mmCIF file of all heavy atoms, coordinates in Angstrom:
data_MODEL
# 
_entry.id   MODEL 
# 
loop_
_atom_site.group_PDB 
_atom_site.id 
_atom_site.type_symbol 
_atom_site.label_atom_id 
_atom_site.label_alt_id 
_atom_site.label_comp_id 
_atom_site.label_asym_id 
_atom_site.label_entity_id 
_atom_site.label_seq_id 
_atom_site.pdbx_PDB_ins_code 
_atom_site.Cartn_x 
_atom_site.Cartn_y 
_atom_site.Cartn_z 
_atom_site.occupancy 
_atom_site.B_iso_or_equiv 
_atom_site.pdbx_formal_charge 
_atom_site.auth_seq_id 
_atom_site.auth_comp_id 
_atom_site.auth_asym_id 
_atom_site.auth_atom_id 
_atom_site.pdbx_PDB_model_num 
ATOM 1   N N   . ARG A 1 1  ? 7.529   -3.707  6.207  1.00 0.00 ? 1  ARG A N   1 
ATOM 2   C CA  . ARG A 1 1  ? 7.174   -4.920  5.466  1.00 0.00 ? 1  ARG A CA  1 
ATOM 3   C C   . ARG A 1 1  ? 7.186   -4.727  3.957  1.00 0.00 ? 1  ARG A C   1 
ATOM 4   O O   . ARG A 1 1  ? 7.113   -5.692  3.200  1.00 0.00 ? 1  ARG A O   1 
ATOM 5   C CB  . ARG A 1 1  ? 5.780   -5.395  5.899  1.00 0.00 ? 1  ARG A CB  1 
ATOM 6   C CG  . ARG A 1 1  ? 5.724   -5.828  7.343  1.00 0.00 ? 1  ARG A CG  1 
ATOM 7   C CD  . ARG A 1 1  ? 4.305   -6.157  7.786  1.00 0.00 ? 1  ARG A CD  1 
ATOM 8   N NE  . ARG A 1 1  ? 3.717   -7.239  7.004  1.00 0.00 ? 1  ARG A NE  1 
ATOM 9   C CZ  . ARG A 1 1  ? 2.494   -7.727  7.229  1.00 0.00 ? 1  ARG A CZ  1 
ATOM 10  N NH1 . ARG A 1 1  ? 1.764   -7.238  8.226  1.00 0.00 ? 1  ARG A NH1 1 
ATOM 11  N NH2 . ARG A 1 1  ? 2.019   -8.704  6.486  1.00 0.00 ? 1  ARG A NH2 1 
ATOM 12  N N   . ARG A 1 2  ? 7.298   -3.495  3.516  1.00 0.00 ? 2  ARG A N   1 
ATOM 13  C CA  . ARG A 1 2  ? 7.150   -3.170  2.104  1.00 0.00 ? 2  ARG A CA  1 
ATOM 14  C C   . ARG A 1 2  ? 8.035   -3.986  1.163  1.00 0.00 ? 2  ARG A C   1 
ATOM 15  O O   . ARG A 1 2  ? 7.570   -4.425  0.101  1.00 0.00 ? 2  ARG A O   1 
ATOM 16  C CB  . ARG A 1 2  ? 7.386   -1.676  1.893  1.00 0.00 ? 2  ARG A CB  1 
ATOM 17  C CG  . ARG A 1 2  ? 7.093   -1.214  0.472  1.00 0.00 ? 2  ARG A CG  1 
ATOM 18  C CD  . ARG A 1 2  ? 7.064   0.290   0.375  1.00 0.00 ? 2  ARG A CD  1 
ATOM 19  N NE  . ARG A 1 2  ? 6.610   0.729   -0.931 1.00 0.00 ? 2  ARG A NE  1 
ATOM 20  C CZ  . ARG A 1 2  ? 5.877   1.814   -1.137 1.00 0.00 ? 2  ARG A CZ  1 
ATOM 21  N NH1 . ARG A 1 2  ? 5.508   2.567   -0.114 1.00 0.00 ? 2  ARG A NH1 1 
ATOM 22  N NH2 . ARG A 1 2  ? 5.502   2.145   -2.354 1.00 0.00 ? 2  ARG A NH2 1 
ATOM 23  N N   . PRO A 1 3  ? 9.323   -4.216  1.469  1.00 0.00 ? 3  PRO A N   1 
ATOM 24  C CA  . PRO A 1 3  ? 10.161  -4.977  0.539  1.00 0.00 ? 3  PRO A CA  1 
ATOM 25  C C   . PRO A 1 3  ? 9.632   -6.376  0.230  1.00 0.00 ? 3  PRO A C   1 
ATOM 26  O O   . PRO A 1 3  ? 9.912   -6.926  -0.841 1.00 0.00 ? 3  PRO A O   1 
ATOM 27  C CB  . PRO A 1 3  ? 11.516  -5.027  1.265  1.00 0.00 ? 3  PRO A CB  1 
ATOM 28  C CG  . PRO A 1 3  ? 11.525  -3.827  2.150  1.00 0.00 ? 3  PRO A CG  1 
ATOM 29  C CD  . PRO A 1 3  ? 10.110  -3.697  2.615  1.00 0.00 ? 3  PRO A CD  1 
ATOM 30  N N   . ALA A 1 4  ? 8.864   -6.959  1.151  1.00 0.00 ? 4  ALA A N   1 
ATOM 31  C CA  . ALA A 1 4  ? 8.364   -8.323  0.957  1.00 0.00 ? 4  ALA A CA  1 
ATOM 32  C C   . ALA A 1 4  ? 6.962   -8.352  0.353  1.00 0.00 ? 4  ALA A C   1 
ATOM 33  O O   . ALA A 1 4  ? 6.427   -9.426  0.060  1.00 0.00 ? 4  ALA A O   1 
ATOM 34  C CB  . ALA A 1 4  ? 8.345   -9.073  2.292  1.00 0.00 ? 4  ALA A CB  1 
ATOM 35  N N   . LEU A 1 5  ? 6.350   -7.172  0.140  1.00 0.00 ? 5  LEU A N   1 
ATOM 36  C CA  . LEU A 1 5  ? 4.973   -7.112  -0.343 1.00 0.00 ? 5  LEU A CA  1 
ATOM 37  C C   . LEU A 1 5  ? 4.898   -7.067  -1.865 1.00 0.00 ? 5  LEU A C   1 
ATOM 38  O O   . LEU A 1 5  ? 5.801   -6.567  -2.537 1.00 0.00 ? 5  LEU A O   1 
ATOM 39  C CB  . LEU A 1 5  ? 4.260   -5.882  0.236  1.00 0.00 ? 5  LEU A CB  1 
ATOM 40  C CG  . LEU A 1 5  ? 4.105   -5.824  1.759  1.00 0.00 ? 5  LEU A CG  1 
ATOM 41  C CD1 . LEU A 1 5  ? 3.462   -4.507  2.161  1.00 0.00 ? 5  LEU A CD1 1 
ATOM 42  C CD2 . LEU A 1 5  ? 3.295   -7.004  2.268  1.00 0.00 ? 5  LEU A CD2 1 
ATOM 43  N N   . SER A 1 6  ? 3.802   -7.597  -2.404 1.00 0.00 ? 6  SER A N   1 
ATOM 44  C CA  . SER A 1 6  ? 3.502   -7.515  -3.835 1.00 0.00 ? 6  SER A CA  1 
ATOM 45  C C   . SER A 1 6  ? 2.307   -6.578  -4.030 1.00 0.00 ? 6  SER A C   1 
ATOM 46  O O   . SER A 1 6  ? 1.550   -6.317  -3.096 1.00 0.00 ? 6  SER A O   1 
ATOM 47  C CB  . SER A 1 6  ? 3.161   -8.898  -4.397 1.00 0.00 ? 6  SER A CB  1 
ATOM 48  O OG  . SER A 1 6  ? 4.248   -9.788  -4.261 1.00 0.00 ? 6  SER A OG  1 
ATOM 49  N N   . CYS A 1 7  ? 2.165   -6.104  -5.266 1.00 0.00 ? 7  CYS A N   1 
ATOM 50  C CA  . CYS A 1 7  ? 1.005   -5.280  -5.638 1.00 0.00 ? 7  CYS A CA  1 
ATOM 51  C C   . CYS A 1 7  ? 0.847   -4.073  -4.709 1.00 0.00 ? 7  CYS A C   1 
ATOM 52  O O   . CYS A 1 7  ? -0.266  -3.756  -4.261 1.00 0.00 ? 7  CYS A O   1 
ATOM 53  C CB  . CYS A 1 7  ? -0.279  -6.103  -5.632 1.00 0.00 ? 7  CYS A CB  1 
ATOM 54  S SG  . CYS A 1 7  ? -0.183  -7.643  -6.569 1.00 0.00 ? 7  CYS A SG  1 
ATOM 55  N N   . VAL A 1 8  ? 1.945   -3.407  -4.391 1.00 0.00 ? 8  VAL A N   1 
ATOM 56  C CA  . VAL A 1 8  ? 1.888   -2.243  -3.498 1.00 0.00 ? 8  VAL A CA  1 
ATOM 57  C C   . VAL A 1 8  ? 1.225   -1.065  -4.220 1.00 0.00 ? 8  VAL A C   1 
ATOM 58  O O   . VAL A 1 8  ? 1.561   -0.748  -5.359 1.00 0.00 ? 8  VAL A O   1 
ATOM 59  C CB  . VAL A 1 8  ? 3.297   -1.845  -3.018 1.00 0.00 ? 8  VAL A CB  1 
ATOM 60  C CG1 . VAL A 1 8  ? 3.251   -0.535  -2.239 1.00 0.00 ? 8  VAL A CG1 1 
ATOM 61  C CG2 . VAL A 1 8  ? 3.892   -2.959  -2.167 1.00 0.00 ? 8  VAL A CG2 1 
ATOM 62  N N   . ARG A 1 9  ? 0.275   -0.454  -3.536 1.00 0.00 ? 9  ARG A N   1 
ATOM 63  C CA  . ARG A 1 9  ? -0.438  0.700   -4.091 1.00 0.00 ? 9  ARG A CA  1 
ATOM 64  C C   . ARG A 1 9  ? -0.551  1.782   -3.024 1.00 0.00 ? 9  ARG A C   1 
ATOM 65  O O   . ARG A 1 9  ? -0.691  1.487   -1.841 1.00 0.00 ? 9  ARG A O   1 
ATOM 66  C CB  . ARG A 1 9  ? -1.837  0.301   -4.559 1.00 0.00 ? 9  ARG A CB  1 
ATOM 67  C CG  . ARG A 1 9  ? -1.867  -0.737  -5.666 1.00 0.00 ? 9  ARG A CG  1 
ATOM 68  C CD  . ARG A 1 9  ? -1.446  -0.123  -7.004 1.00 0.00 ? 9  ARG A CD  1 
ATOM 69  N NE  . ARG A 1 9  ? -1.517  -1.121  -8.053 1.00 0.00 ? 9  ARG A NE  1 
ATOM 70  C CZ  . ARG A 1 9  ? -0.513  -1.900  -8.426 1.00 0.00 ? 9  ARG A CZ  1 
ATOM 71  N NH1 . ARG A 1 9  ? 0.662   -1.791  -7.819 1.00 0.00 ? 9  ARG A NH1 1 
ATOM 72  N NH2 . ARG A 1 9  ? -0.659  -2.779  -9.398 1.00 0.00 ? 9  ARG A NH2 1 
ATOM 73  N N   . GLU A 1 10 ? -0.519  3.039   -3.486 1.00 0.00 ? 10 GLU A N   1 
ATOM 74  C CA  . GLU A 1 10 ? -0.729  4.170   -2.592 1.00 0.00 ? 10 GLU A CA  1 
ATOM 75  C C   . GLU A 1 10 ? -1.783  5.084   -3.200 1.00 0.00 ? 10 GLU A C   1 
ATOM 76  O O   . GLU A 1 10 ? -1.740  5.383   -4.396 1.00 0.00 ? 10 GLU A O   1 
ATOM 77  C CB  . GLU A 1 10 ? 0.571   4.944   -2.379 1.00 0.00 ? 10 GLU A CB  1 
ATOM 78  C CG  . GLU A 1 10 ? 1.650   4.146   -1.661 1.00 0.00 ? 10 GLU A CG  1 
ATOM 79  C CD  . GLU A 1 10 ? 2.864   4.990   -1.320 1.00 0.00 ? 10 GLU A CD  1 
ATOM 80  O OE1 . GLU A 1 10 ? 2.713   6.246   -1.258 1.00 0.00 ? 10 GLU A OE1 1 
ATOM 81  O OE2 . GLU A 1 10 ? 3.950   4.436   -1.116 1.00 0.00 ? 10 GLU A OE2 1 
ATOM 82  N N   . PHE A 1 11 ? -2.765  5.479   -2.381 1.00 0.00 ? 11 PHE A N   1 
ATOM 83  C CA  . PHE A 1 11 ? -3.838  6.332   -2.848 1.00 0.00 ? 11 PHE A CA  1 
ATOM 84  C C   . PHE A 1 11 ? -3.943  7.549   -1.944 1.00 0.00 ? 11 PHE A C   1 
ATOM 85  O O   . PHE A 1 11 ? -4.065  7.419   -0.716 1.00 0.00 ? 11 PHE A O   1 
ATOM 86  C CB  . PHE A 1 11 ? -5.174  5.578   -2.838 1.00 0.00 ? 11 PHE A CB  1 
ATOM 87  C CG  . PHE A 1 11 ? -5.184  4.346   -3.707 1.00 0.00 ? 11 PHE A CG  1 
ATOM 88  C CD1 . PHE A 1 11 ? -4.977  3.093   -3.148 1.00 0.00 ? 11 PHE A CD1 1 
ATOM 89  C CD2 . PHE A 1 11 ? -5.391  4.451   -5.071 1.00 0.00 ? 11 PHE A CD2 1 
ATOM 90  C CE1 . PHE A 1 11 ? -4.980  1.955   -3.942 1.00 0.00 ? 11 PHE A CE1 1 
ATOM 91  C CE2 . PHE A 1 11 ? -5.398  3.316   -5.881 1.00 0.00 ? 11 PHE A CE2 1 
ATOM 92  C CZ  . PHE A 1 11 ? -5.193  2.074   -5.310 1.00 0.00 ? 11 PHE A CZ  1 
ATOM 93  N N   . VAL A 1 12 ? -3.893  8.723   -2.548 1.00 0.00 ? 12 VAL A N   1 
ATOM 94  C CA  . VAL A 1 12 ? -4.051  9.966   -1.800 1.00 0.00 ? 12 VAL A CA  1 
ATOM 95  C C   . VAL A 1 12 ? -5.538  10.287  -1.744 1.00 0.00 ? 12 VAL A C   1 
ATOM 96  O O   . VAL A 1 12 ? -6.188  10.470  -2.771 1.00 0.00 ? 12 VAL A O   1 
ATOM 97  C CB  . VAL A 1 12 ? -3.278  11.118  -2.455 1.00 0.00 ? 12 VAL A CB  1 
ATOM 98  C CG1 . VAL A 1 12 ? -3.496  12.410  -1.662 1.00 0.00 ? 12 VAL A CG1 1 
ATOM 99  C CG2 . VAL A 1 12 ? -1.786  10.797  -2.518 1.00 0.00 ? 12 VAL A CG2 1 
ATOM 100 N N   . THR A 1 13 ? -6.093  10.342  -0.535 1.00 0.00 ? 13 THR A N   1 
ATOM 101 C CA  . THR A 1 13 ? -7.513  10.596  -0.344 1.00 0.00 ? 13 THR A CA  1 
ATOM 102 C C   . THR A 1 13 ? -7.705  11.803  0.568  1.00 0.00 ? 13 THR A C   1 
ATOM 103 O O   . THR A 1 13 ? -6.739  12.352  1.108  1.00 0.00 ? 13 THR A O   1 
ATOM 104 C CB  . THR A 1 13 ? -8.207  9.374   0.291  1.00 0.00 ? 13 THR A CB  1 
ATOM 105 O OG1 . THR A 1 13 ? -7.828  9.291   1.681  1.00 0.00 ? 13 THR A OG1 1 
ATOM 106 C CG2 . THR A 1 13 ? -7.793  8.088   -0.424 1.00 0.00 ? 13 THR A CG2 1 
ATOM 107 N N   . GLU A 1 14 ? -8.963  12.190  0.759  1.00 0.00 ? 14 GLU A N   1 
ATOM 108 C CA  . GLU A 1 14 ? -9.274  13.287  1.673  1.00 0.00 ? 14 GLU A CA  1 
ATOM 109 C C   . GLU A 1 14 ? -8.866  12.930  3.099  1.00 0.00 ? 14 GLU A C   1 
ATOM 110 O O   . GLU A 1 14 ? -8.583  13.802  3.910  1.00 0.00 ? 14 GLU A O   1 
ATOM 111 C CB  . GLU A 1 14 ? -10.770 13.598  1.620  1.00 0.00 ? 14 GLU A CB  1 
ATOM 112 C CG  . GLU A 1 14 ? -11.240 14.238  0.316  1.00 0.00 ? 14 GLU A CG  1 
ATOM 113 C CD  . GLU A 1 14 ? -10.705 15.643  0.148  1.00 0.00 ? 14 GLU A CD  1 
ATOM 114 O OE1 . GLU A 1 14 ? -10.569 16.358  1.164  1.00 0.00 ? 14 GLU A OE1 1 
ATOM 115 O OE2 . GLU A 1 14 ? -10.414 16.036  -0.999 1.00 0.00 ? 14 GLU A OE2 1 
ATOM 116 N N   . GLN A 1 15 ? -8.859  11.627  3.401  1.00 0.00 ? 15 GLN A N   1 
ATOM 117 C CA  . GLN A 1 15 ? -8.527  11.182  4.758  1.00 0.00 ? 15 GLN A CA  1 
ATOM 118 C C   . GLN A 1 15 ? -7.036  10.905  4.950  1.00 0.00 ? 15 GLN A C   1 
ATOM 119 O O   . GLN A 1 15 ? -6.612  10.566  6.053  1.00 0.00 ? 15 GLN A O   1 
ATOM 120 C CB  . GLN A 1 15 ? -9.320  9.916   5.094  1.00 0.00 ? 15 GLN A CB  1 
ATOM 121 C CG  . GLN A 1 15 ? -10.823 10.135  5.251  1.00 0.00 ? 15 GLN A CG  1 
ATOM 122 C CD  . GLN A 1 15 ? -11.543 10.224  3.914  1.00 0.00 ? 15 GLN A CD  1 
ATOM 123 O OE1 . GLN A 1 15 ? -11.073 9.681   2.920  1.00 0.00 ? 15 GLN A OE1 1 
ATOM 124 N NE2 . GLN A 1 15 ? -12.665 10.915  3.897  1.00 0.00 ? 15 GLN A NE2 1 
ATOM 125 N N   . GLY A 1 16 ? -6.253  11.020  3.892  1.00 0.00 ? 16 GLY A N   1 
ATOM 126 C CA  . GLY A 1 16 ? -4.821  10.770  4.004  1.00 0.00 ? 16 GLY A CA  1 
ATOM 127 C C   . GLY A 1 16 ? -4.321  9.848   2.908  1.00 0.00 ? 16 GLY A C   1 
ATOM 128 O O   . GLY A 1 16 ? -5.059  9.475   2.000  1.00 0.00 ? 16 GLY A O   1 
ATOM 129 N N   . CYS A 1 17 ? -3.059  9.462   2.994  1.00 0.00 ? 17 CYS A N   1 
ATOM 130 C CA  . CYS A 1 17 ? -2.453  8.556   2.015  1.00 0.00 ? 17 CYS A CA  1 
ATOM 131 C C   . CYS A 1 17 ? -2.610  7.127   2.511  1.00 0.00 ? 17 CYS A C   1 
ATOM 132 O O   . CYS A 1 17 ? -2.071  6.768   3.554  1.00 0.00 ? 17 CYS A O   1 
ATOM 133 C CB  . CYS A 1 17 ? -0.975  8.892   1.823  1.00 0.00 ? 17 CYS A CB  1 
ATOM 134 S SG  . CYS A 1 17 ? -0.147  7.820   0.623  1.00 0.00 ? 17 CYS A SG  1 
ATOM 135 N N   . TRP A 1 18 ? -3.360  6.320   1.755  1.00 0.00 ? 18 TRP A N   1 
ATOM 136 C CA  . TRP A 1 18 ? -3.600  4.932   2.135  1.00 0.00 ? 18 TRP A CA  1 
ATOM 137 C C   . TRP A 1 18 ? -2.729  4.009   1.309  1.00 0.00 ? 18 TRP A C   1 
ATOM 138 O O   . TRP A 1 18 ? -2.621  4.146   0.092  1.00 0.00 ? 18 TRP A O   1 
ATOM 139 C CB  . TRP A 1 18 ? -5.064  4.565   1.927  1.00 0.00 ? 18 TRP A CB  1 
ATOM 140 C CG  . TRP A 1 18 ? -6.001  5.319   2.818  1.00 0.00 ? 18 TRP A CG  1 
ATOM 141 C CD1 . TRP A 1 18 ? -5.687  6.017   3.950  1.00 0.00 ? 18 TRP A CD1 1 
ATOM 142 C CD2 . TRP A 1 18 ? -7.414  5.475   2.648  1.00 0.00 ? 18 TRP A CD2 1 
ATOM 143 N NE1 . TRP A 1 18 ? -6.807  6.591   4.499  1.00 0.00 ? 18 TRP A NE1 1 
ATOM 144 C CE2 . TRP A 1 18 ? -7.884  6.270   3.723  1.00 0.00 ? 18 TRP A CE2 1 
ATOM 145 C CE3 . TRP A 1 18 ? -8.325  5.014   1.711  1.00 0.00 ? 18 TRP A CE3 1 
ATOM 146 C CZ2 . TRP A 1 18 ? -9.228  6.605   3.873  1.00 0.00 ? 18 TRP A CZ2 1 
ATOM 147 C CZ3 . TRP A 1 18 ? -9.658  5.343   1.856  1.00 0.00 ? 18 TRP A CZ3 1 
ATOM 148 C CH2 . TRP A 1 18 ? -10.108 6.133   2.926  1.00 0.00 ? 18 TRP A CH2 1 
ATOM 149 N N   . LYS A 1 19 ? -2.121  3.054   1.980  1.00 0.00 ? 19 LYS A N   1 
ATOM 150 C CA  . LYS A 1 19 ? -1.233  2.107   1.313  1.00 0.00 ? 19 LYS A CA  1 
ATOM 151 C C   . LYS A 1 19 ? -1.818  0.698   1.405  1.00 0.00 ? 19 LYS A C   1 
ATOM 152 O O   . LYS A 1 19 ? -2.424  0.330   2.407  1.00 0.00 ? 19 LYS A O   1 
ATOM 153 C CB  . LYS A 1 19 ? 0.156   2.135   1.952  1.00 0.00 ? 19 LYS A CB  1 
ATOM 154 C CG  . LYS A 1 19 ? 0.836   3.498   1.894  1.00 0.00 ? 19 LYS A CG  1 
ATOM 155 C CD  . LYS A 1 19 ? 2.151   3.510   2.657  1.00 0.00 ? 19 LYS A CD  1 
ATOM 156 C CE  . LYS A 1 19 ? 2.792   4.890   2.650  1.00 0.00 ? 19 LYS A CE  1 
ATOM 157 N NZ  . LYS A 1 19 ? 4.048   4.939   3.425  1.00 0.00 ? 19 LYS A NZ  1 
ATOM 158 N N   . TYR A 1 20 ? -1.613  -0.069  0.332  1.00 0.00 ? 20 TYR A N   1 
ATOM 159 C CA  . TYR A 1 20 ? -2.085  -1.451  0.274  1.00 0.00 ? 20 TYR A CA  1 
ATOM 160 C C   . TYR A 1 20 ? -0.963  -2.347  -0.244 1.00 0.00 ? 20 TYR A C   1 
ATOM 161 O O   . TYR A 1 20 ? -0.098  -1.908  -1.000 1.00 0.00 ? 20 TYR A O   1 
ATOM 162 C CB  . TYR A 1 20 ? -3.268  -1.590  -0.688 1.00 0.00 ? 20 TYR A CB  1 
ATOM 163 C CG  . TYR A 1 20 ? -4.537  -0.881  -0.285 1.00 0.00 ? 20 TYR A CG  1 
ATOM 164 C CD1 . TYR A 1 20 ? -4.698  0.482   -0.517 1.00 0.00 ? 20 TYR A CD1 1 
ATOM 165 C CD2 . TYR A 1 20 ? -5.592  -1.574  0.293  1.00 0.00 ? 20 TYR A CD2 1 
ATOM 166 C CE1 . TYR A 1 20 ? -5.876  1.134   -0.175 1.00 0.00 ? 20 TYR A CE1 1 
ATOM 167 C CE2 . TYR A 1 20 ? -6.776  -0.936  0.638  1.00 0.00 ? 20 TYR A CE2 1 
ATOM 168 C CZ  . TYR A 1 20 ? -6.919  0.419   0.400  1.00 0.00 ? 20 TYR A CZ  1 
ATOM 169 O OH  . TYR A 1 20 ? -8.074  1.058   0.738  1.00 0.00 ? 20 TYR A OH  1 
ATOM 170 N N   . GLY A 1 21 ? -1.017  -3.614  0.127  1.00 0.00 ? 21 GLY A N   1 
ATOM 171 C CA  . GLY A 1 21 ? -0.062  -4.575  -0.409 1.00 0.00 ? 21 GLY A CA  1 
ATOM 172 C C   . GLY A 1 21 ? -0.506  -5.997  -0.110 1.00 0.00 ? 21 GLY A C   1 
ATOM 173 O O   . GLY A 1 21 ? -1.403  -6.221  0.711  1.00 0.00 ? 21 GLY A O   1 
ATOM 174 N N   . LEU A 1 22 ? 0.111   -6.961  -0.797 1.00 0.00 ? 22 LEU A N   1 
ATOM 175 C CA  . LEU A 1 22 ? -0.176  -8.384  -0.579 1.00 0.00 ? 22 LEU A CA  1 
ATOM 176 C C   . LEU A 1 22 ? 1.097   -9.089  -0.137 1.00 0.00 ? 22 LEU A C   1 
ATOM 177 O O   . LEU A 1 22 ? 2.154   -8.887  -0.726 1.00 0.00 ? 22 LEU A O   1 
ATOM 178 C CB  . LEU A 1 22 ? -0.673  -9.033  -1.875 1.00 0.00 ? 22 LEU A CB  1 
ATOM 179 C CG  . LEU A 1 22 ? -2.164  -8.992  -2.189 1.00 0.00 ? 22 LEU A CG  1 
ATOM 180 C CD1 . LEU A 1 22 ? -2.400  -9.597  -3.567 1.00 0.00 ? 22 LEU A CD1 1 
ATOM 181 C CD2 . LEU A 1 22 ? -2.972  -9.734  -1.144 1.00 0.00 ? 22 LEU A CD2 1 
ATOM 182 N N   . ASP A 1 23 ? 0.979   -9.931  0.884  1.00 0.00 ? 23 ASP A N   1 
ATOM 183 C CA  . ASP A 1 23 ? 2.123   -10.706 1.368  1.00 0.00 ? 23 ASP A CA  1 
ATOM 184 C C   . ASP A 1 23 ? 1.935   -12.154 0.947  1.00 0.00 ? 23 ASP A C   1 
ATOM 185 O O   . ASP A 1 23 ? 1.136   -12.885 1.529  1.00 0.00 ? 23 ASP A O   1 
ATOM 186 C CB  . ASP A 1 23 ? 2.216   -10.593 2.887  1.00 0.00 ? 23 ASP A CB  1 
ATOM 187 C CG  . ASP A 1 23 ? 3.525   -11.155 3.420  1.00 0.00 ? 23 ASP A CG  1 
ATOM 188 O OD1 . ASP A 1 23 ? 4.210   -11.852 2.657  1.00 0.00 ? 23 ASP A OD1 1 
ATOM 189 O OD2 . ASP A 1 23 ? 3.854   -10.887 4.589  1.00 0.00 ? 23 ASP A OD2 1 
ATOM 190 N N   . ILE A 1 24 ? 2.652   -12.586 -0.103 1.00 0.00 ? 24 ILE A N   1 
ATOM 191 C CA  . ILE A 1 24 ? 2.459   -13.945 -0.629 1.00 0.00 ? 24 ILE A CA  1 
ATOM 192 C C   . ILE A 1 24 ? 3.707   -14.805 -0.457 1.00 0.00 ? 24 ILE A C   1 
ATOM 193 O O   . ILE A 1 24 ? 3.873   -15.812 -1.136 1.00 0.00 ? 24 ILE A O   1 
ATOM 194 C CB  . ILE A 1 24 ? 2.071   -13.906 -2.123 1.00 0.00 ? 24 ILE A CB  1 
ATOM 195 C CG1 . ILE A 1 24 ? 3.187   -13.259 -2.949 1.00 0.00 ? 24 ILE A CG1 1 
ATOM 196 C CG2 . ILE A 1 24 ? 0.758   -13.198 -2.335 1.00 0.00 ? 24 ILE A CG2 1 
ATOM 197 C CD1 . ILE A 1 24 ? 2.987   -13.408 -4.441 1.00 0.00 ? 24 ILE A CD1 1 
# 
């Protein structure tokens, strides 16, 4: 879904790499 998402962010944490995005 990434190509259609806005405001994509990736955060490396102790629990793993978390990704966020908005579908508008």
